[in-house]
PDB file of N, CA and C in Angstrom:
ATOM      1  N   MET A   1      -5.224   6.683   4.710  1.00  0.00           N
ATOM      2  CA  MET A   1      -3.803   6.858   5.079  1.00  0.00           C
ATOM      3  C   MET A   1      -2.983   5.864   4.138  1.00  0.00           C
ATOM      4  N   ALA A   2      -1.857   6.299   3.852  1.00  0.00           N
ATOM      5  CA  ALA A   2      -0.880   5.478   3.126  1.00  0.00           C
ATOM      6  C   ALA A   2      -0.103   4.708   4.174  1.00  0.00           C
ATOM      7  N   LEU A   3       0.634   3.799   3.734  1.00  0.00           N
ATOM      8  CA  LEU A   3       1.467   3.014   4.633  1.00  0.00           C
ATOM      9  C   LEU A   3       2.943   3.505   4.483  1.00  0.00           C
ATOM     10  N   PHE A   4       3.757   3.138   5.449  1.00  0.00           N
ATOM     11  CA  PHE A   4       5.189   3.413   5.339  1.00  0.00           C
ATOM     12  C   PHE A   4       5.943   2.270   5.913  1.00  0.00           C
ATOM     13  N   ILE A   5       7.230   2.148   5.606  1.00  0.00           N
ATOM     14  CA  ILE A   5       8.095   1.114   5.992  1.00  0.00           C
ATOM     15  C   ILE A   5       9.123   1.733   6.893  1.00  0.00           C
ATOM     16  N   THR A   6       9.326   1.091   8.147  1.00  0.00           N
ATOM     17  CA  THR A   6      10.231   1.627   9.104  1.00  0.00           C
ATOM     18  C   THR A   6      11.678   1.179   8.774  1.00  0.00           C
ATOM     19  N   ASP A   7      12.640   1.689   9.507  1.00  0.00           N
ATOM     20  CA  ASP A   7      14.033   1.313   9.236  1.00  0.00           C
ATOM     21  C   ASP A   7      14.340  -0.087   9.796  1.00  0.00           C
ATOM     22  N   GLN A   8      13.358  -0.758  10.229  1.00  0.00           N
ATOM     23  CA  GLN A   8      13.501  -2.196  10.680  1.00  0.00           C
ATOM     24  C   GLN A   8      13.436  -3.168   9.447  1.00  0.00           C
ATOM     25  N   CYS A   9      13.168  -2.544   8.316  1.00  0.00           N
ATOM     26  CA  CYS A   9      13.113  -3.354   7.037  1.00  0.00           C
ATOM     27  C   CYS A   9      14.413  -4.119   6.849  1.00  0.00           C
ATOM     28  N   ILE A  10      14.374  -5.345   6.498  1.00  0.00           N
ATOM     29  CA  ILE A  10      15.516  -6.182   6.251  1.00  0.00           C
ATOM     30  C   ILE A  10      15.760  -6.459   4.776  1.00  0.00           C
ATOM     31  N   ASN A  11      15.073  -5.650   3.896  1.00  0.00           N
ATOM     32  CA  ASN A  11      15.209  -5.790   2.463  1.00  0.00           C
ATOM     33  C   ASN A  11      15.029  -7.245   2.018  1.00  0.00           C
ATOM     34  N   CYS A  12      14.002  -7.879   2.463  1.00  0.00           N
ATOM     35  CA  CYS A  12      13.797  -9.266   2.020  1.00  0.00           C
ATOM     36  C   CYS A  12      13.123  -9.449   0.714  1.00  0.00           C
ATOM     37  N   ASP A  13      12.635  -8.410   0.147  1.00  0.00           N
ATOM     38  CA  ASP A  13      12.017  -8.455  -1.170  1.00  0.00           C
ATOM     39  C   ASP A  13      10.680  -8.976  -1.346  1.00  0.00           C
ATOM     40  N   VAL A  14       9.957  -9.364  -0.228  1.00  0.00           N
ATOM     41  CA  VAL A  14       8.744  -9.990  -0.339  1.00  0.00           C
ATOM     42  C   VAL A  14       7.557  -8.928  -0.539  1.00  0.00           C
ATOM     43  N   CYS A  15       7.694  -7.775  -0.068  1.00  0.00           N
ATOM     44  CA  CYS A  15       6.599  -6.857  -0.177  1.00  0.00           C
ATOM     45  C   CYS A  15       6.408  -6.188  -1.557  1.00  0.00           C
ATOM     46  N   GLU A  16       7.411  -5.901  -2.181  1.00  0.00           N
ATOM     47  CA  GLU A  16       7.372  -5.174  -3.504  1.00  0.00           C
ATOM     48  C   GLU A  16       6.472  -5.906  -4.479  1.00  0.00           C
ATOM     49  N   PRO A  17       6.655  -7.135  -4.808  1.00  0.00           N
ATOM     50  CA  PRO A  17       5.745  -7.792  -5.801  1.00  0.00           C
ATOM     51  C   PRO A  17       4.348  -7.929  -5.263  1.00  0.00           C
ATOM     52  N   GLU A  18       4.120  -7.864  -3.989  1.00  0.00           N
ATOM     53  CA  GLU A  18       2.639  -8.016  -3.516  1.00  0.00           C
ATOM     54  C   GLU A  18       1.819  -6.668  -3.649  1.00  0.00           C
ATOM     55  N   CYS A  19       2.492  -5.597  -3.912  1.00  0.00           N
ATOM     56  CA  CYS A  19       1.742  -4.333  -3.962  1.00  0.00           C
ATOM     57  C   CYS A  19       1.024  -4.223  -5.347  1.00  0.00           C
ATOM     58  N   PRO A  20      -0.339  -4.123  -5.293  1.00  0.00           N
ATOM     59  CA  PRO A  20      -1.098  -4.120  -6.549  1.00  0.00           C
ATOM     60  C   PRO A  20      -1.045  -2.735  -7.289  1.00  0.00           C
ATOM     61  N   ASN A  21      -0.544  -1.673  -6.623  1.00  0.00           N
ATOM     62  CA  ASN A  21      -0.409  -0.340  -7.155  1.00  0.00           C
ATOM     63  C   ASN A  21       1.040   0.012  -7.483  1.00  0.00           C
ATOM     64  N   ASP A  22       1.941  -0.927  -7.336  1.00  0.00           N
ATOM     65  CA  ASP A  22       3.321  -0.625  -7.619  1.00  0.00           C
ATOM     66  C   ASP A  22       3.771   0.557  -6.741  1.00  0.00           C
ATOM     67  N   ALA A  23       3.364   0.635  -5.559  1.00  0.00           N
ATOM     68  CA  ALA A  23       3.721   1.777  -4.718  1.00  0.00           C
ATOM     69  C   ALA A  23       4.989   1.578  -3.899  1.00  0.00           C
ATOM     70  N   ILE A  24       5.432   0.247  -3.830  1.00  0.00           N
ATOM     71  CA  ILE A  24       6.572  -0.112  -3.039  1.00  0.00           C
ATOM     72  C   ILE A  24       7.802  -0.193  -4.045  1.00  0.00           C
ATOM     73  N   TYR A  25       8.954   0.418  -3.544  1.00  0.00           N
ATOM     74  CA  TYR A  25      10.111   0.434  -4.396  1.00  0.00           C
ATOM     75  C   TYR A  25      11.260   0.372  -3.520  1.00  0.00           C
ATOM     76  N   GLN A  26      12.482   0.014  -4.003  1.00  0.00           N
ATOM     77  CA  GLN A  26      13.708  -0.090  -3.255  1.00  0.00           C
ATOM     78  C   GLN A  26      14.257   1.360  -3.175  1.00  0.00           C
ATOM     79  N   GLY A  27      14.409   1.845  -1.917  1.00  0.00           N
ATOM     80  CA  GLY A  27      14.955   3.140  -1.667  1.00  0.00           C
ATOM     81  C   GLY A  27      16.453   3.033  -1.496  1.00  0.00           C
ATOM     82  N   GLU A  28      17.124   4.067  -0.985  1.00  0.00           N
ATOM     83  CA  GLU A  28      18.540   4.038  -0.882  1.00  0.00           C
ATOM     84  C   GLU A  28      19.059   2.887   0.114  1.00  0.00           C
ATOM     85  N   GLU A  29      18.291   2.775   1.138  1.00  0.00           N
ATOM     86  CA  GLU A  29      18.701   1.763   2.209  1.00  0.00           C
ATOM     87  C   GLU A  29      17.658   0.737   2.446  1.00  0.00           C
ATOM     88  N   ILE A  30      16.372   1.024   2.357  1.00  0.00           N
ATOM     89  CA  ILE A  30      15.366   0.056   2.645  1.00  0.00           C
ATOM     90  C   ILE A  30      14.183   0.280   1.547  1.00  0.00           C
ATOM     91  N   TYR A  31      13.282  -0.618   1.637  1.00  0.00           N
ATOM     92  CA  TYR A  31      12.063  -0.390   0.673  1.00  0.00           C
ATOM     93  C   TYR A  31      11.310   0.782   1.270  1.00  0.00           C
ATOM     94  N   GLU A  32      10.635   1.409   0.331  1.00  0.00           N
ATOM     95  CA  GLU A  32       9.834   2.595   0.623  1.00  0.00           C
ATOM     96  C   GLU A  32       8.524   2.523  -0.059  1.00  0.00           C
ATOM     97  N   ILE A  33       7.517   3.353   0.443  1.00  0.00           N
ATOM     98  CA  ILE A  33       6.300   3.323  -0.156  1.00  0.00           C
ATOM     99  C   ILE A  33       5.908   4.668  -0.700  1.00  0.00           C
ATOM    100  N   ASP A  34       5.415   4.767  -1.922  1.00  0.00           N
ATOM    101  CA  ASP A  34       4.973   6.033  -2.538  1.00  0.00           C
ATOM    102  C   ASP A  34       3.600   6.238  -2.069  1.00  0.00           C
ATOM    103  N   ALA A  35       3.428   7.330  -1.179  1.00  0.00           N
ATOM    104  CA  ALA A  35       2.038   7.628  -0.604  1.00  0.00           C
ATOM    105  C   ALA A  35       1.077   7.899  -1.654  1.00  0.00           C
ATOM    106  N   ALA A  36       1.452   8.504  -2.750  1.00  0.00           N
ATOM    107  CA  ALA A  36       0.625   8.851  -3.820  1.00  0.00           C
ATOM    108  C   ALA A  36      -0.022   7.665  -4.599  1.00  0.00           C
ATOM    109  N   ARG A  37       0.639   6.512  -4.390  1.00  0.00           N
ATOM    110  CA  ARG A  37       0.094   5.318  -5.118  1.00  0.00           C
ATOM    111  C   ARG A  37      -0.464   4.256  -4.067  1.00  0.00           C
ATOM    112  N   CYS A  38      -0.242   4.470  -2.782  1.00  0.00           N
ATOM    113  CA  CYS A  38      -0.644   3.518  -1.764  1.00  0.00           C
ATOM    114  C   CYS A  38      -2.134   3.688  -1.503  1.00  0.00           C
ATOM    115  N   THR A  39      -2.926   2.724  -1.578  1.00  0.00           N
ATOM    116  CA  THR A  39      -4.324   2.729  -1.210  1.00  0.00           C
ATOM    117  C   THR A  39      -4.590   1.765  -0.049  1.00  0.00           C
ATOM    118  N   GLU A  40      -3.521   1.338   0.584  1.00  0.00           N
ATOM    119  CA  GLU A  40      -3.676   0.269   1.633  1.00  0.00           C
ATOM    120  C   GLU A  40      -4.338  -0.945   1.082  1.00  0.00           C
ATOM    121  N   CYS A  41      -4.266  -1.194  -0.240  1.00  0.00           N
ATOM    122  CA  CYS A  41      -4.885  -2.273  -0.889  1.00  0.00           C
ATOM    123  C   CYS A  41      -6.468  -2.127  -1.074  1.00  0.00           C
ATOM    124  N   ILE A  42      -6.998  -1.002  -0.554  1.00  0.00           N
ATOM    125  CA  ILE A  42      -8.406  -0.755  -0.820  1.00  0.00           C
ATOM    126  C   ILE A  42      -8.713  -0.831  -2.271  1.00  0.00           C
ATOM    127  N   GLY A  43      -9.729  -1.542  -2.680  1.00  0.00           N
ATOM    128  CA  GLY A  43     -10.109  -1.663  -4.001  1.00  0.00           C
ATOM    129  C   GLY A  43      -9.656  -2.997  -4.603  1.00  0.00           C
ATOM    130  N   HIS A  44      -8.434  -3.514  -4.162  1.00  0.00           N
ATOM    131  CA  HIS A  44      -7.885  -4.705  -4.632  1.00  0.00           C
ATOM    132  C   HIS A  44      -8.065  -5.890  -3.747  1.00  0.00           C
ATOM    133  N   PHE A  45      -7.850  -5.651  -2.486  1.00  0.00           N
ATOM    134  CA  PHE A  45      -7.979  -6.706  -1.414  1.00  0.00           C
ATOM    135  C   PHE A  45      -8.658  -6.180  -0.151  1.00  0.00           C
ATOM    136  N   THR A  46      -9.105  -7.141   0.709  1.00  0.00           N
ATOM    137  CA  THR A  46      -9.723  -6.722   1.933  1.00  0.00           C
ATOM    138  C   THR A  46      -8.621  -6.535   3.112  1.00  0.00           C
ATOM    139  N   THR A  47      -7.379  -6.901   2.797  1.00  0.00           N
ATOM    140  CA  THR A  47      -6.238  -6.691   3.793  1.00  0.00           C
ATOM    141  C   THR A  47      -5.133  -6.050   3.097  1.00  0.00           C
ATOM    142  N   GLN A  48      -4.272  -5.494   3.871  1.00  0.00           N
ATOM    143  CA  GLN A  48      -2.983  -4.775   3.314  1.00  0.00           C
ATOM    144  C   GLN A  48      -2.008  -5.966   3.024  1.00  0.00           C
ATOM    145  N   GLN A  49      -1.814  -6.219   1.759  1.00  0.00           N
ATOM    146  CA  GLN A  49      -0.926  -7.281   1.341  1.00  0.00           C
ATOM    147  C   GLN A  49       0.557  -7.256   1.916  1.00  0.00           C
ATOM    148  N   CYS A  50       1.112  -6.043   1.808  1.00  0.00           N
ATOM    149  CA  CYS A  50       2.462  -5.919   2.274  1.00  0.00           C
ATOM    150  C   CYS A  50       2.568  -6.191   3.745  1.00  0.00           C
ATOM    151  N   VAL A  51       1.554  -5.716   4.554  1.00  0.00           N
ATOM    152  CA  VAL A  51       1.617  -5.915   5.924  1.00  0.00           C
ATOM    153  C   VAL A  51       1.382  -7.364   6.245  1.00  0.00           C
ATOM    154  N   ASP A  52       0.486  -8.098   5.595  1.00  0.00           N
ATOM    155  CA  ASP A  52       0.251  -9.459   5.700  1.00  0.00           C
ATOM    156  C   ASP A  52       1.531 -10.295   5.608  1.00  0.00           C
ATOM    157  N   ILE A  53       2.374  -9.925   4.595  1.00  0.00           N
ATOM    158  CA  ILE A  53       3.495 -10.740   4.198  1.00  0.00           C
ATOM    159  C   ILE A  53       4.799 -10.371   4.945  1.00  0.00           C
ATOM    160  N   CYS A  54       4.905  -9.181   5.498  1.00  0.00           N
ATOM    161  CA  CYS A  54       6.152  -8.694   6.013  1.00  0.00           C
ATOM    162  C   CYS A  54       6.557  -9.579   7.189  1.00  0.00           C
ATOM    163  N   PRO A  55       7.824 -10.235   7.093  1.00  0.00           N
ATOM    164  CA  PRO A  55       8.216 -11.094   8.182  1.00  0.00           C
ATOM    165  C   PRO A  55       8.777 -10.382   9.445  1.00  0.00           C
ATOM    166  N   VAL A  56       8.956  -9.100   9.332  1.00  0.00           N
ATOM    167  CA  VAL A  56       9.538  -8.404  10.542  1.00  0.00           C
ATOM    168  C   VAL A  56       8.493  -7.347  11.026  1.00  0.00           C
ATOM    169  N   GLU A  57       7.352  -7.302  10.433  1.00  0.00           N
ATOM    170  CA  GLU A  57       6.273  -6.382  10.902  1.00  0.00           C
ATOM    171  C   GLU A  57       6.699  -4.932  11.022  1.00  0.00           C
ATOM    172  N   CYS A  58       7.274  -4.398   9.920  1.00  0.00           N
ATOM    173  CA  CYS A  58       7.809  -3.050   9.875  1.00  0.00           C
ATOM    174  C   CYS A  58       6.926  -2.086   9.013  1.00  0.00           C
ATOM    175  N   ILE A  59       5.799  -2.507   8.611  1.00  0.00           N
ATOM    176  CA  ILE A  59       4.998  -1.587   7.748  1.00  0.00           C
ATOM    177  C   ILE A  59       3.776  -1.184   8.586  1.00  0.00           C
ATOM    178  N   PHE A  60       3.615   0.248   8.609  1.00  0.00           N
ATOM    179  CA  PHE A  60       2.522   0.859   9.431  1.00  0.00           C
ATOM    180  C   PHE A  60       1.795   1.888   8.655  1.00  0.00           C
ATOM    181  N   VAL A  61       0.644   2.320   9.208  1.00  0.00           N
ATOM    182  CA  VAL A  61      -0.117   3.358   8.714  1.00  0.00           C
ATOM    183  C   VAL A  61       0.806   4.725   8.927  1.00  0.00           C
ATOM    184  N   ASP A  62       0.936   5.491   7.864  1.00  0.00           N
ATOM    185  CA  ASP A  62       1.719   6.720   7.890  1.00  0.00           C
ATOM    186  C   ASP A  62       0.811   7.849   8.455  1.00  0.00           C
ATOM    187  N   PRO A  63       1.181   8.374   9.589  1.00  0.00           N
ATOM    188  CA  PRO A  63       0.385   9.493  10.158  1.00  0.00           C
ATOM    189  C   PRO A  63       0.552  10.788   9.352  1.00  0.00           C
ATOM    190  N   ASP A  64       1.497  10.800   8.554  1.00  0.00           N
ATOM    191  CA  ASP A  64       1.740  12.023   7.724  1.00  0.00           C
ATOM    192  C   ASP A  64       0.912  12.093   6.463  1.00  0.00           C
ATOM    193  N   HIS A  65       0.200  10.980   6.238  1.00  0.00           N
ATOM    194  CA  HIS A  65      -0.679  10.868   4.964  1.00  0.00           C
ATOM    195  C   HIS A  65      -2.043  10.357   5.370  1.00  0.00           C
ATOM    196  N   GLU A  66      -2.793  11.135   6.226  1.00  0.00           N
ATOM    197  CA  GLU A  66      -4.026  10.662   6.559  1.00  0.00           C
ATOM    198  C   GLU A  66      -5.153  10.791   5.358  1.00  0.00           C
ATOM    199  N   GLU A  67      -5.819   9.674   5.153  1.00  0.00           N
ATOM    200  CA  GLU A  67      -6.865   9.589   4.106  1.00  0.00           C
ATOM    201  C   GLU A  67      -8.004   8.739   4.668  1.00  0.00           C
ATOM    202  N   SER A  68      -9.213   9.141   4.303  1.00  0.00           N
ATOM    203  CA  SER A  68     -10.315   8.316   4.675  1.00  0.00           C
ATOM    204  C   SER A  68     -10.454   7.116   3.835  1.00  0.00           C
ATOM    205  N   GLN A  69     -11.273   6.163   4.156  1.00  0.00           N
ATOM    206  CA  GLN A  69     -11.604   5.060   3.292  1.00  0.00           C
ATOM    207  C   GLN A  69     -12.041   5.498   1.935  1.00  0.00           C
ATOM    208  N   ASN A  70     -12.939   6.487   1.909  1.00  0.00           N
ATOM    209  CA  ASN A  70     -13.404   7.055   0.612  1.00  0.00           C
ATOM    210  C   ASN A  70     -12.311   7.614  -0.218  1.00  0.00           C
ATOM    211  N   GLU A  71     -11.430   8.409   0.423  1.00  0.00           N
ATOM    212  CA  GLU A  71     -10.287   8.965  -0.283  1.00  0.00           C
ATOM    213  C   GLU A  71      -9.414   7.998  -0.900  1.00  0.00           C
ATOM    214  N   LEU A  72      -9.182   6.888  -0.117  1.00  0.00           N
ATOM    215  CA  LEU A  72      -8.373   5.810  -0.628  1.00  0.00           C
ATOM    216  C   LEU A  72      -9.060   5.019  -1.774  1.00  0.00           C
ATOM    217  N   LEU A  73     -10.392   4.904  -1.735  1.00  0.00           N
ATOM    218  CA  LEU A  73     -11.065   4.306  -2.871  1.00  0.00           C
ATOM    219  C   LEU A  73     -11.028   5.213  -4.020  1.00  0.00           C
ATOM    220  N   GLU A  74     -11.172   6.518  -3.859  1.00  0.00           N
ATOM    221  CA  GLU A  74     -11.089   7.449  -4.994  1.00  0.00           C
ATOM    222  C   GLU A  74      -9.646   7.388  -5.614  1.00  0.00           C
ATOM    223  N   LYS A  75      -8.609   7.299  -4.808  1.00  0.00           N
ATOM    224  CA  LYS A  75      -7.193   7.009  -5.302  1.00  0.00           C
ATOM    225  C   LYS A  75      -7.213   5.774  -6.108  1.00  0.00           C
ATOM    226  N   PHE A  76      -7.760   4.728  -5.637  1.00  0.00           N
ATOM    227  CA  PHE A  76      -7.756   3.379  -6.274  1.00  0.00           C
ATOM    228  C   PHE A  76      -8.356   3.671  -7.745  1.00  0.00           C
ATOM    229  N   HIS A  77      -9.398   4.329  -7.904  1.00  0.00           N
ATOM    230  CA  HIS A  77     -10.037   4.611  -9.120  1.00  0.00           C
ATOM    231  C   HIS A  77      -9.277   5.518 -10.031  1.00  0.00           C
ATOM    232  N   ARG A  78      -8.502   6.400  -9.434  1.00  0.00           N
ATOM    233  CA  ARG A  78      -7.633   7.281 -10.301  1.00  0.00           C
ATOM    234  C   ARG A  78      -6.467   6.493 -10.832  1.00  0.00           C
ATOM    235  N   ILE A  79      -5.899   5.602 -10.045  1.00  0.00           N
ATOM    236  CA  ILE A  79      -4.785   4.725 -10.424  1.00  0.00           C
ATOM    237  C   ILE A  79      -5.189   3.556 -11.373  1.00  0.00           C
ATOM    238  N   ASN A  80      -6.384   3.127 -11.210  1.00  0.00           N
ATOM    239  CA  ASN A  80      -6.907   1.968 -11.948  1.00  0.00           C
ATOM    240  C   ASN A  80      -8.246   2.326 -12.635  1.00  0.00           C
ATOM    241  N   PRO A  81      -8.186   3.215 -13.649  1.00  0.00           N
ATOM    242  CA  PRO A  81      -9.423   3.738 -14.211  1.00  0.00           C
ATOM    243  C   PRO A  81     -10.140   2.498 -14.845  1.00  0.00           C
ATOM    244  N   GLY A  82     -11.465   2.498 -14.562  1.00  0.00           N
ATOM    245  CA  GLY A  82     -12.390   1.434 -15.108  1.00  0.00           C
ATOM    246  C   GLY A  82     -12.395   0.136 -14.268  1.00  0.00           C
ATOM    247  N   ALA A  83     -11.550  -0.004 -13.248  1.00  0.00           N
ATOM    248  CA  ALA A  83     -11.520  -1.144 -12.478  1.00  0.00           C
ATOM    249  C   ALA A  83     -12.670  -1.166 -11.407  1.00  0.00           C
ATOM    250  N   ILE A  84     -13.098  -2.360 -11.235  1.00  0.00           N
ATOM    251  CA  ILE A  84     -14.126  -2.593 -10.131  1.00  0.00           C
ATOM    252  C   ILE A  84     -13.474  -2.872  -8.810  1.00  0.00           C
ATOM    253  N   ALA A  85     -13.812  -2.120  -7.815  1.00  0.00           N
ATOM    254  CA  ALA A  85     -13.173  -2.322  -6.490  1.00  0.00           C
ATOM    255  C   ALA A  85     -13.796  -3.506  -5.758  1.00  0.00           C
ATOM    256  N   VAL A  86     -12.910  -4.363  -5.225  1.00  0.00           N
ATOM    257  CA  VAL A  86     -13.273  -5.548  -4.470  1.00  0.00           C
ATOM    258  C   VAL A  86     -14.171  -5.120  -3.368  1.00  0.00           C
ATOM    259  N   GLY A  87     -15.268  -5.758  -3.159  1.00  0.00           N
ATOM    260  CA  GLY A  87     -16.153  -5.485  -1.990  1.00  0.00           C
ATOM    261  C   GLY A  87     -16.924  -4.205  -2.089  1.00  0.00           C
ATOM    262  N   SER A  88     -16.815  -3.398  -3.167  1.00  0.00           N
ATOM    263  CA  SER A  88     -17.604  -2.093  -3.161  1.00  0.00           C
ATOM    264  C   SER A  88     -18.879  -2.219  -3.917  1.00  0.00           C
ATOM    265  N   GLY A  89     -18.980  -3.236  -4.787  1.00  0.00           N
ATOM    266  CA  GLY A  89     -20.155  -3.328  -5.609  1.00  0.00           C
ATOM    267  C   GLY A  89     -20.299  -2.298  -6.763  1.00  0.00           C
ATOM    268  N   ASP A  90     -19.141  -1.593  -7.001  1.00  0.00           N
ATOM    269  CA  ASP A  90     -19.182  -0.559  -8.101  1.00  0.00           C
ATOM    270  C   ASP A  90     -18.293  -0.923  -9.277  1.00  0.00           C
TER     271      ASP A  90
END
């Protein structure tokens, strides 16, 4: 699954630079997450970096973009060709 940011976002600017896939961007009113680029940090980190750093806890799994761990890892490899995924041994 990709993540999404709720309207509780306070535009604090801390999540955007933490995203290793450049999936977070400033929307019209709040930050948003591009589901096509979000891997929930799978491949890069063992935890979701934006969720870890968000001071208002407004980032959640997006039920409209369900993906398995394997699908997220495949997305990681598409976005980062040739990269070695953290913790995967590949």
